[in-house]
């Protein structure tokens, strides 16, 4: 269905493989359009519980295709803006999916590739993975990816890396909050991703979507009466749902909940 993607499905897990290995899965207009459409389609598919984003070939994603960027820079201001909005829209679509998302990172995750890793809920990286916000080396800024990278690593680290464009190895990426788990190699990467997927499949789909929305509502806000009342409303509305009743009944009966895959 997608010119630049390969999507594999297995027991509620959709793995979205970026499939431009000859250019290290660099973004162009087609990849941006395909990722946007795929994220929307998978988010609306009740048979999909978890989405894993990965890259074919030697890299996760080397960011924007420089030929595409050069062409955009030579276009009119209106066309340039339209292209930038499509990239920003793709990242937002990924970041705001209701399903849990995992970035499976090996090799290079540079520029927009680091943005993709940041926009996913969870990031697992091989030890030899490398990250960077490399845009200033090309006379531009990491604008579209900035909300997600800053959310992941914080303002203080962003002041450094947005300006230096230094390469960040996987262990350093974990230390600054971008990566959740670092593993030895790609074989271990698949094992760790499977373990995280297994944990995610234990949770209720509706509650996971609500948990993501809760984080967006509460993060970086002071604990005010409005925030406290909002959190109380969220839990009170969820406690009355069939999913919550099933989860509590399953726990008390010492059985798996209905949403947990049967082995």
C-alpha atoms as a PDB file:
ATOM      1  CA  UNK A   1       0.000   0.000   0.000  1.00  0.00           C
ATOM      2  CA  UNK A   2       2.904   2.379   0.656  1.00  0.00           C
ATOM      3  CA  UNK A   3       5.738   3.190  -1.704  1.00  0.00           C
ATOM      4  CA  UNK A   4       8.320   3.847   1.044  1.00  0.00           C
ATOM      5  CA  UNK A   5       7.082   1.607   3.869  1.00  0.00           C
ATOM      6  CA  UNK A   6       6.705  -2.078   4.621  1.00  0.00           C
ATOM      7  CA  UNK A   7       4.158  -2.893   7.335  1.00  0.00           C
ATOM      8  CA  UNK A   8       4.226  -6.280   9.047  1.00  0.00           C
ATOM      9  CA  UNK A   9       1.476  -7.388  11.417  1.00  0.00           C
ATOM     10  CA  UNK A  10       1.740 -10.051  14.071  1.00  0.00           C
ATOM     11  CA  UNK A  11      -0.666 -10.712  16.962  1.00  0.00           C
ATOM     12  CA  UNK A  12      -1.768  -7.133  17.470  1.00  0.00           C
ATOM     13  CA  UNK A  13       1.635  -5.573  16.716  1.00  0.00           C
ATOM     14  CA  UNK A  14       2.213  -3.543  13.557  1.00  0.00           C
ATOM     15  CA  UNK A  15       5.859  -2.951  12.670  1.00  0.00           C
ATOM     16  CA  UNK A  16       6.274  -0.045  10.279  1.00  0.00           C
ATOM     17  CA  UNK A  17       9.548  -0.446   8.407  1.00  0.00           C
ATOM     18  CA  UNK A  18      10.820   2.660   6.648  1.00  0.00           C
ATOM     19  CA  UNK A  19      12.085   1.166   3.422  1.00  0.00           C
ATOM     20  CA  UNK A  20      14.495   3.550   1.687  1.00  0.00           C
ATOM     21  CA  UNK A  21      17.725   1.791   2.706  1.00  0.00           C
ATOM     22  CA  UNK A  22      19.704   3.214  -0.204  1.00  0.00           C
ATOM     23  CA  UNK A  23      19.417   6.701   1.377  1.00  0.00           C
ATOM     24  CA  UNK A  24      19.379   5.549   5.020  1.00  0.00           C
ATOM     25  CA  UNK A  25      15.599   6.074   5.187  1.00  0.00           C
ATOM     26  CA  UNK A  26      15.932   9.806   4.681  1.00  0.00           C
ATOM     27  CA  UNK A  27      12.661  11.757   4.462  1.00  0.00           C
ATOM     28  CA  UNK A  28      11.247  12.936   1.204  1.00  0.00           C
ATOM     29  CA  UNK A  29       7.738  14.039   0.331  1.00  0.00           C
ATOM     30  CA  UNK A  30       6.622  10.446  -0.328  1.00  0.00           C
ATOM     31  CA  UNK A  31       7.947   9.037   2.947  1.00  0.00           C
ATOM     32  CA  UNK A  32       6.325  11.886   4.871  1.00  0.00           C
ATOM     33  CA  UNK A  33       2.988  11.253   3.153  1.00  0.00           C
ATOM     34  CA  UNK A  34       3.249   7.479   3.633  1.00  0.00           C
ATOM     35  CA  UNK A  35       4.101   7.732   7.336  1.00  0.00           C
ATOM     36  CA  UNK A  36       1.256  10.160   7.939  1.00  0.00           C
ATOM     37  CA  UNK A  37      -1.258   7.903   6.192  1.00  0.00           C
ATOM     38  CA  UNK A  38       0.052   4.741   7.872  1.00  0.00           C
ATOM     39  CA  UNK A  39      -0.111   6.244  11.358  1.00  0.00           C
ATOM     40  CA  UNK A  40      -3.693   7.371  10.790  1.00  0.00           C
ATOM     41  CA  UNK A  41      -4.744   4.003   9.393  1.00  0.00           C
ATOM     42  CA  UNK A  42      -3.102   1.986  12.180  1.00  0.00           C
ATOM     43  CA  UNK A  43      -4.503   4.260  14.873  1.00  0.00           C
ATOM     44  CA  UNK A  44      -7.995   3.575  13.565  1.00  0.00           C
ATOM     45  CA  UNK A  45      -7.502  -0.196  13.364  1.00  0.00           C
ATOM     46  CA  UNK A  46      -8.829  -1.928  16.480  1.00  0.00           C
ATOM     47  CA  UNK A  47      -6.849  -5.084  15.672  1.00  0.00           C
ATOM     48  CA  UNK A  48      -3.583  -3.158  16.223  1.00  0.00           C
ATOM     49  CA  UNK A  49      -2.493  -2.758  19.840  1.00  0.00           C
ATOM     50  CA  UNK A  50       1.123  -1.561  19.486  1.00  0.00           C
ATOM     51  CA  UNK A  51       3.022   0.180  16.674  1.00  0.00           C
ATOM     52  CA  UNK A  52       6.783  -0.299  16.257  1.00  0.00           C
ATOM     53  CA  UNK A  53       8.700   2.091  13.996  1.00  0.00           C
ATOM     54  CA  UNK A  54      11.902   0.729  12.441  1.00  0.00           C
ATOM     55  CA  UNK A  55      14.240   1.237   9.502  1.00  0.00           C
ATOM     56  CA  UNK A  56      15.480  -1.169   6.852  1.00  0.00           C
ATOM     57  CA  UNK A  57      19.165  -1.232   5.985  1.00  0.00           C
ATOM     58  CA  UNK A  58      22.022   0.272   7.952  1.00  0.00           C
ATOM     59  CA  UNK A  59      20.124   3.121   9.628  1.00  0.00           C
ATOM     60  CA  UNK A  60      16.925   3.974  11.431  1.00  0.00           C
ATOM     61  CA  UNK A  61      16.684   7.302   9.583  1.00  0.00           C
ATOM     62  CA  UNK A  62      19.272   9.852   8.521  1.00  0.00           C
ATOM     63  CA  UNK A  63      16.693  12.652   8.618  1.00  0.00           C
ATOM     64  CA  UNK A  64      15.649  14.770   5.680  1.00  0.00           C
ATOM     65  CA  UNK A  65      16.757  13.855   2.181  1.00  0.00           C
ATOM     66  CA  UNK A  66      19.158  16.670   1.269  1.00  0.00           C
ATOM     67  CA  UNK A  67      18.006  16.747  -2.364  1.00  0.00           C
ATOM     68  CA  UNK A  68      14.417  17.146  -1.179  1.00  0.00           C
ATOM     69  CA  UNK A  69      15.488  19.890   1.259  1.00  0.00           C
ATOM     70  CA  UNK A  70      17.426  21.713  -1.443  1.00  0.00           C
ATOM     71  CA  UNK A  71      14.423  21.634  -3.762  1.00  0.00           C
ATOM     72  CA  UNK A  72      12.188  22.900  -0.961  1.00  0.00           C
ATOM     73  CA  UNK A  73      14.609  25.729  -0.269  1.00  0.00           C
ATOM     74  CA  UNK A  74      14.465  26.802  -3.906  1.00  0.00           C
ATOM     75  CA  UNK A  75      10.662  26.735  -4.016  1.00  0.00           C
ATOM     76  CA  UNK A  76       8.394  29.680  -3.300  1.00  0.00           C
ATOM     77  CA  UNK A  77       7.840  30.688   0.307  1.00  0.00           C
ATOM     78  CA  UNK A  78       4.292  29.338   0.183  1.00  0.00           C
ATOM     79  CA  UNK A  79       5.398  25.956  -1.218  1.00  0.00           C
ATOM     80  CA  UNK A  80       8.277  25.813   1.269  1.00  0.00           C
ATOM     81  CA  UNK A  81       5.867  26.430   4.141  1.00  0.00           C
ATOM     82  CA  UNK A  82       3.455  23.803   2.831  1.00  0.00           C
ATOM     83  CA  UNK A  83       6.244  21.216   2.734  1.00  0.00           C
ATOM     84  CA  UNK A  84       7.334  22.121   6.267  1.00  0.00           C
ATOM     85  CA  UNK A  85       3.756  21.770   7.505  1.00  0.00           C
ATOM     86  CA  UNK A  86       3.499  18.289   6.008  1.00  0.00           C
ATOM     87  CA  UNK A  87       6.620  17.225   7.922  1.00  0.00           C
ATOM     88  CA  UNK A  88       5.338  18.821  11.126  1.00  0.00           C
ATOM     89  CA  UNK A  89       1.962  17.166  10.610  1.00  0.00           C
ATOM     90  CA  UNK A  90       3.534  13.731  10.161  1.00  0.00           C
ATOM     91  CA  UNK A  91       5.480  14.049  13.410  1.00  0.00           C
ATOM     92  CA  UNK A  92       2.401  15.227  15.278  1.00  0.00           C
ATOM     93  CA  UNK A  93       0.316  12.378  13.878  1.00  0.00           C
ATOM     94  CA  UNK A  94       2.895   9.888  15.142  1.00  0.00           C
ATOM     95  CA  UNK A  95       3.260  11.599  18.516  1.00  0.00           C
ATOM     96  CA  UNK A  96      -0.495  11.786  19.140  1.00  0.00           C
ATOM     97  CA  UNK A  97      -1.436   8.237  18.202  1.00  0.00           C
ATOM     98  CA  UNK A  98      -3.730   6.564  20.732  1.00  0.00           C
ATOM     99  CA  UNK A  99      -1.750   3.323  20.461  1.00  0.00           C
ATOM    100  CA  UNK A 100       1.560   2.806  22.273  1.00  0.00           C
ATOM    101  CA  UNK A 101       4.484   3.438  19.915  1.00  0.00           C
ATOM    102  CA  UNK A 102       8.052   2.133  20.077  1.00  0.00           C
ATOM    103  CA  UNK A 103      11.055   3.366  18.113  1.00  0.00           C
ATOM    104  CA  UNK A 104      13.438   0.496  17.271  1.00  0.00           C
ATOM    105  CA  UNK A 105      16.658   2.385  16.599  1.00  0.00           C
ATOM    106  CA  UNK A 106      19.838   1.051  15.048  1.00  0.00           C
ATOM    107  CA  UNK A 107      22.527   2.919  13.134  1.00  0.00           C
ATOM    108  CA  UNK A 108      21.908   6.597  12.453  1.00  0.00           C
ATOM    109  CA  UNK A 109      18.952   8.558  13.836  1.00  0.00           C
ATOM    110  CA  UNK A 110      19.897  12.038  12.713  1.00  0.00           C
ATOM    111  CA  UNK A 111      17.872  15.228  12.408  1.00  0.00           C
ATOM    112  CA  UNK A 112      14.355  14.127  11.567  1.00  0.00           C
ATOM    113  CA  UNK A 113      15.339  10.572  12.515  1.00  0.00           C
ATOM    114  CA  UNK A 114      16.006  11.771  16.049  1.00  0.00           C
ATOM    115  CA  UNK A 115      12.654  13.533  15.826  1.00  0.00           C
ATOM    116  CA  UNK A 116      10.904  10.257  14.986  1.00  0.00           C
ATOM    117  CA  UNK A 117      12.603   8.513  17.908  1.00  0.00           C
ATOM    118  CA  UNK A 118      11.504  11.350  20.210  1.00  0.00           C
ATOM    119  CA  UNK A 119       7.927  11.388  18.912  1.00  0.00           C
ATOM    120  CA  UNK A 120       7.459   7.704  19.776  1.00  0.00           C
ATOM    121  CA  UNK A 121       6.385   6.890  23.337  1.00  0.00           C
ATOM    122  CA  UNK A 122       9.270   4.497  23.946  1.00  0.00           C
ATOM    123  CA  UNK A 123      12.723   4.287  22.374  1.00  0.00           C
ATOM    124  CA  UNK A 124      14.924   1.190  22.384  1.00  0.00           C
ATOM    125  CA  UNK A 125      18.356   1.523  20.778  1.00  0.00           C
ATOM    126  CA  UNK A 126      21.252  -0.695  19.827  1.00  0.00           C
ATOM    127  CA  UNK A 127      24.555   0.256  21.426  1.00  0.00           C
ATOM    128  CA  UNK A 128      26.002   1.449  18.116  1.00  0.00           C
ATOM    129  CA  UNK A 129      23.058   3.753  17.357  1.00  0.00           C
ATOM    130  CA  UNK A 130      23.900   7.419  17.046  1.00  0.00           C
ATOM    131  CA  UNK A 131      21.662  10.460  17.345  1.00  0.00           C
ATOM    132  CA  UNK A 132      22.052  14.147  16.478  1.00  0.00           C
ATOM    133  CA  UNK A 133      20.131  17.328  15.819  1.00  0.00           C
ATOM    134  CA  UNK A 134      22.439  18.106  12.933  1.00  0.00           C
ATOM    135  CA  UNK A 135      20.430  20.869  11.262  1.00  0.00           C
ATOM    136  CA  UNK A 136      22.681  23.834  12.109  1.00  0.00           C
ATOM    137  CA  UNK A 137      25.442  22.225  10.044  1.00  0.00           C
ATOM    138  CA  UNK A 138      23.233  22.908   7.027  1.00  0.00           C
ATOM    139  CA  UNK A 139      22.288  26.433   8.056  1.00  0.00           C
ATOM    140  CA  UNK A 140      18.826  25.499   9.334  1.00  0.00           C
ATOM    141  CA  UNK A 141      17.223  24.566  12.679  1.00  0.00           C
ATOM    142  CA  UNK A 142      15.482  21.455  14.062  1.00  0.00           C
ATOM    143  CA  UNK A 143      12.151  23.253  14.012  1.00  0.00           C
ATOM    144  CA  UNK A 144       9.558  20.570  13.229  1.00  0.00           C
ATOM    145  CA  UNK A 145      11.143  18.022  15.559  1.00  0.00           C
ATOM    146  CA  UNK A 146      11.760  20.464  18.412  1.00  0.00           C
ATOM    147  CA  UNK A 147       8.543  19.875  20.432  1.00  0.00           C
ATOM    148  CA  UNK A 148       9.298  16.155  20.652  1.00  0.00           C
ATOM    149  CA  UNK A 149      13.059  16.342  21.166  1.00  0.00           C
ATOM    150  CA  UNK A 150      12.715  18.991  23.882  1.00  0.00           C
ATOM    151  CA  UNK A 151      10.000  16.900  25.530  1.00  0.00           C
ATOM    152  CA  UNK A 152      12.425  13.962  25.560  1.00  0.00           C
ATOM    153  CA  UNK A 153      15.702  15.597  26.619  1.00  0.00           C
ATOM    154  CA  UNK A 154      14.628  18.876  28.218  1.00  0.00           C
ATOM    155  CA  UNK A 155      15.499  22.478  27.480  1.00  0.00           C
ATOM    156  CA  UNK A 156      18.956  22.409  29.059  1.00  0.00           C
ATOM    157  CA  UNK A 157      20.244  19.584  26.866  1.00  0.00           C
ATOM    158  CA  UNK A 158      18.529  21.076  23.823  1.00  0.00           C
ATOM    159  CA  UNK A 159      20.482  24.324  24.219  1.00  0.00           C
ATOM    160  CA  UNK A 160      23.652  22.298  23.797  1.00  0.00           C
ATOM    161  CA  UNK A 161      22.756  19.827  21.087  1.00  0.00           C
ATOM    162  CA  UNK A 162      20.591  22.104  18.923  1.00  0.00           C
ATOM    163  CA  UNK A 163      23.606  24.415  18.585  1.00  0.00           C
ATOM    164  CA  UNK A 164      26.573  22.032  18.524  1.00  0.00           C
ATOM    165  CA  UNK A 165      24.979  19.289  16.375  1.00  0.00           C
ATOM    166  CA  UNK A 166      27.248  16.842  18.219  1.00  0.00           C
ATOM    167  CA  UNK A 167      26.745  13.138  17.698  1.00  0.00           C
ATOM    168  CA  UNK A 168      25.112  11.469  20.710  1.00  0.00           C
ATOM    169  CA  UNK A 169      25.862   7.803  21.285  1.00  0.00           C
ATOM    170  CA  UNK A 170      23.220   5.449  22.615  1.00  0.00           C
ATOM    171  CA  UNK A 171      24.459   5.447  26.210  1.00  0.00           C
ATOM    172  CA  UNK A 172      24.566   9.241  26.292  1.00  0.00           C
ATOM    173  CA  UNK A 173      21.109   9.330  24.697  1.00  0.00           C
ATOM    174  CA  UNK A 174      19.837   7.149  27.541  1.00  0.00           C
ATOM    175  CA  UNK A 175      21.498   9.383  30.129  1.00  0.00           C
ATOM    176  CA  UNK A 176      19.732  12.492  28.809  1.00  0.00           C
ATOM    177  CA  UNK A 177      16.317  10.845  28.561  1.00  0.00           C
ATOM    178  CA  UNK A 178      15.930  10.167  24.844  1.00  0.00           C
ATOM    179  CA  UNK A 179      16.411   6.384  24.978  1.00  0.00           C
ATOM    180  CA  UNK A 180      14.734   4.049  27.466  1.00  0.00           C
ATOM    181  CA  UNK A 181      16.848   0.940  26.899  1.00  0.00           C
ATOM    182  CA  UNK A 182      20.232   0.314  25.262  1.00  0.00           C
ATOM    183  CA  UNK A 183      21.103  -3.199  24.075  1.00  0.00           C
ATOM    184  CA  UNK A 184      24.183  -4.750  22.511  1.00  0.00           C
ATOM    185  CA  UNK A 185      23.125  -5.360  18.911  1.00  0.00           C
ATOM    186  CA  UNK A 186      20.203  -5.787  16.545  1.00  0.00           C
ATOM    187  CA  UNK A 187      19.387  -9.310  17.751  1.00  0.00           C
ATOM    188  CA  UNK A 188      19.157  -8.010  21.300  1.00  0.00           C
ATOM    189  CA  UNK A 189      17.199  -5.041  19.975  1.00  0.00           C
ATOM    190  CA  UNK A 190      14.452  -7.314  18.681  1.00  0.00           C
ATOM    191  CA  UNK A 191      14.409  -9.247  21.950  1.00  0.00           C
ATOM    192  CA  UNK A 192      14.047  -6.057  23.997  1.00  0.00           C
ATOM    193  CA  UNK A 193      11.370  -4.620  21.714  1.00  0.00           C
ATOM    194  CA  UNK A 194       9.440  -7.889  22.070  1.00  0.00           C
ATOM    195  CA  UNK A 195       9.734  -7.657  25.856  1.00  0.00           C
ATOM    196  CA  UNK A 196       8.382  -4.096  25.887  1.00  0.00           C
ATOM    197  CA  UNK A 197       5.584  -5.110  23.521  1.00  0.00           C
ATOM    198  CA  UNK A 198       4.715  -7.982  25.853  1.00  0.00           C
ATOM    199  CA  UNK A 199       4.415  -5.564  28.768  1.00  0.00           C
ATOM    200  CA  UNK A 200       2.251  -3.186  26.728  1.00  0.00           C
ATOM    201  CA  UNK A 201      -0.125  -5.964  25.697  1.00  0.00           C
ATOM    202  CA  UNK A 202      -0.985  -6.544  29.364  1.00  0.00           C
ATOM    203  CA  UNK A 203      -2.586  -3.098  29.619  1.00  0.00           C
ATOM    204  CA  UNK A 204      -6.077  -2.101  28.579  1.00  0.00           C
ATOM    205  CA  UNK A 205      -6.168  -0.331  25.189  1.00  0.00           C
ATOM    206  CA  UNK A 206      -8.558   2.385  26.336  1.00  0.00           C
ATOM    207  CA  UNK A 207      -6.627   3.033  29.529  1.00  0.00           C
ATOM    208  CA  UNK A 208      -3.349   3.287  27.607  1.00  0.00           C
ATOM    209  CA  UNK A 209      -4.833   5.884  25.269  1.00  0.00           C
ATOM    210  CA  UNK A 210      -6.173   7.732  28.312  1.00  0.00           C
ATOM    211  CA  UNK A 211      -2.765   7.527  30.007  1.00  0.00           C
ATOM    212  CA  UNK A 212      -1.120   9.210  27.013  1.00  0.00           C
ATOM    213  CA  UNK A 213      -3.737  11.946  27.042  1.00  0.00           C
ATOM    214  CA  UNK A 214      -3.247  12.363  30.808  1.00  0.00           C
ATOM    215  CA  UNK A 215       0.482  12.997  30.366  1.00  0.00           C
ATOM    216  CA  UNK A 216      -0.189  15.657  27.746  1.00  0.00           C
ATOM    217  CA  UNK A 217      -2.710  17.329  30.052  1.00  0.00           C
ATOM    218  CA  UNK A 218      -0.577  17.323  33.214  1.00  0.00           C
ATOM    219  CA  UNK A 219       3.053  17.638  32.072  1.00  0.00           C
ATOM    220  CA  UNK A 220       4.766  20.973  32.800  1.00  0.00           C
ATOM    221  CA  UNK A 221       1.733  22.423  34.559  1.00  0.00           C
ATOM    222  CA  UNK A 222       1.613  23.541  38.198  1.00  0.00           C
ATOM    223  CA  UNK A 223      -0.531  21.499  40.583  1.00  0.00           C
ATOM    224  CA  UNK A 224      -3.553  23.794  40.589  1.00  0.00           C
ATOM    225  CA  UNK A 225      -7.190  23.215  41.534  1.00  0.00           C
ATOM    226  CA  UNK A 226      -7.939  22.889  37.817  1.00  0.00           C
ATOM    227  CA  UNK A 227      -5.338  20.163  37.327  1.00  0.00           C
ATOM    228  CA  UNK A 228      -6.444  18.272  40.445  1.00  0.00           C
ATOM    229  CA  UNK A 229     -10.101  18.376  39.394  1.00  0.00           C
ATOM    230  CA  UNK A 230      -9.190  17.279  35.869  1.00  0.00           C
ATOM    231  CA  UNK A 231      -7.283  14.231  37.136  1.00  0.00           C
ATOM    232  CA  UNK A 232     -10.193  13.303  39.425  1.00  0.00           C
ATOM    233  CA  UNK A 233     -12.634  13.504  36.524  1.00  0.00           C
ATOM    234  CA  UNK A 234     -10.408  11.362  34.349  1.00  0.00           C
ATOM    235  CA  UNK A 235     -10.160   8.491  36.827  1.00  0.00           C
ATOM    236  CA  UNK A 236     -13.815   8.678  37.848  1.00  0.00           C
ATOM    237  CA  UNK A 237     -14.966   8.456  34.232  1.00  0.00           C
ATOM    238  CA  UNK A 238     -12.675   5.508  33.490  1.00  0.00           C
ATOM    239  CA  UNK A 239     -13.613   3.497  36.581  1.00  0.00           C
ATOM    240  CA  UNK A 240     -17.130   3.063  35.208  1.00  0.00           C
ATOM    241  CA  UNK A 241     -16.065   1.681  31.823  1.00  0.00           C
ATOM    242  CA  UNK A 242     -16.376  -1.964  30.765  1.00  0.00           C
ATOM    243  CA  UNK A 243     -12.591  -2.117  30.365  1.00  0.00           C
ATOM    244  CA  UNK A 244     -12.021  -1.086  33.970  1.00  0.00           C
ATOM    245  CA  UNK A 245     -14.629  -3.531  35.244  1.00  0.00           C
ATOM    246  CA  UNK A 246     -13.024  -6.321  33.245  1.00  0.00           C
ATOM    247  CA  UNK A 247      -9.554  -5.416  34.505  1.00  0.00           C
ATOM    248  CA  UNK A 248     -10.624  -5.463  38.154  1.00  0.00           C
ATOM    249  CA  UNK A 249     -12.670  -8.655  37.733  1.00  0.00           C
ATOM    250  CA  UNK A 250      -9.733 -10.387  36.045  1.00  0.00           C
ATOM    251  CA  UNK A 251      -7.335  -9.337  38.798  1.00  0.00           C
ATOM    252  CA  UNK A 252      -9.646 -10.528  41.579  1.00  0.00           C
ATOM    253  CA  UNK A 253     -10.285 -13.816  39.746  1.00  0.00           C
ATOM    254  CA  UNK A 254      -6.532 -14.247  39.116  1.00  0.00           C
ATOM    255  CA  UNK A 255      -7.035 -14.631  35.363  1.00  0.00           C
ATOM    256  CA  UNK A 256      -5.752 -12.674  32.349  1.00  0.00           C
ATOM    257  CA  UNK A 257      -7.928  -9.771  31.265  1.00  0.00           C
ATOM    258  CA  UNK A 258      -9.863 -10.209  28.026  1.00  0.00           C
ATOM    259  CA  UNK A 259      -7.469  -7.956  26.091  1.00  0.00           C
ATOM    260  CA  UNK A 260      -4.345  -9.963  26.961  1.00  0.00           C
ATOM    261  CA  UNK A 261      -3.299 -12.219  24.050  1.00  0.00           C
ATOM    262  CA  UNK A 262      -3.768 -15.883  24.776  1.00  0.00           C
ATOM    263  CA  UNK A 263      -0.618 -17.982  24.458  1.00  0.00           C
END
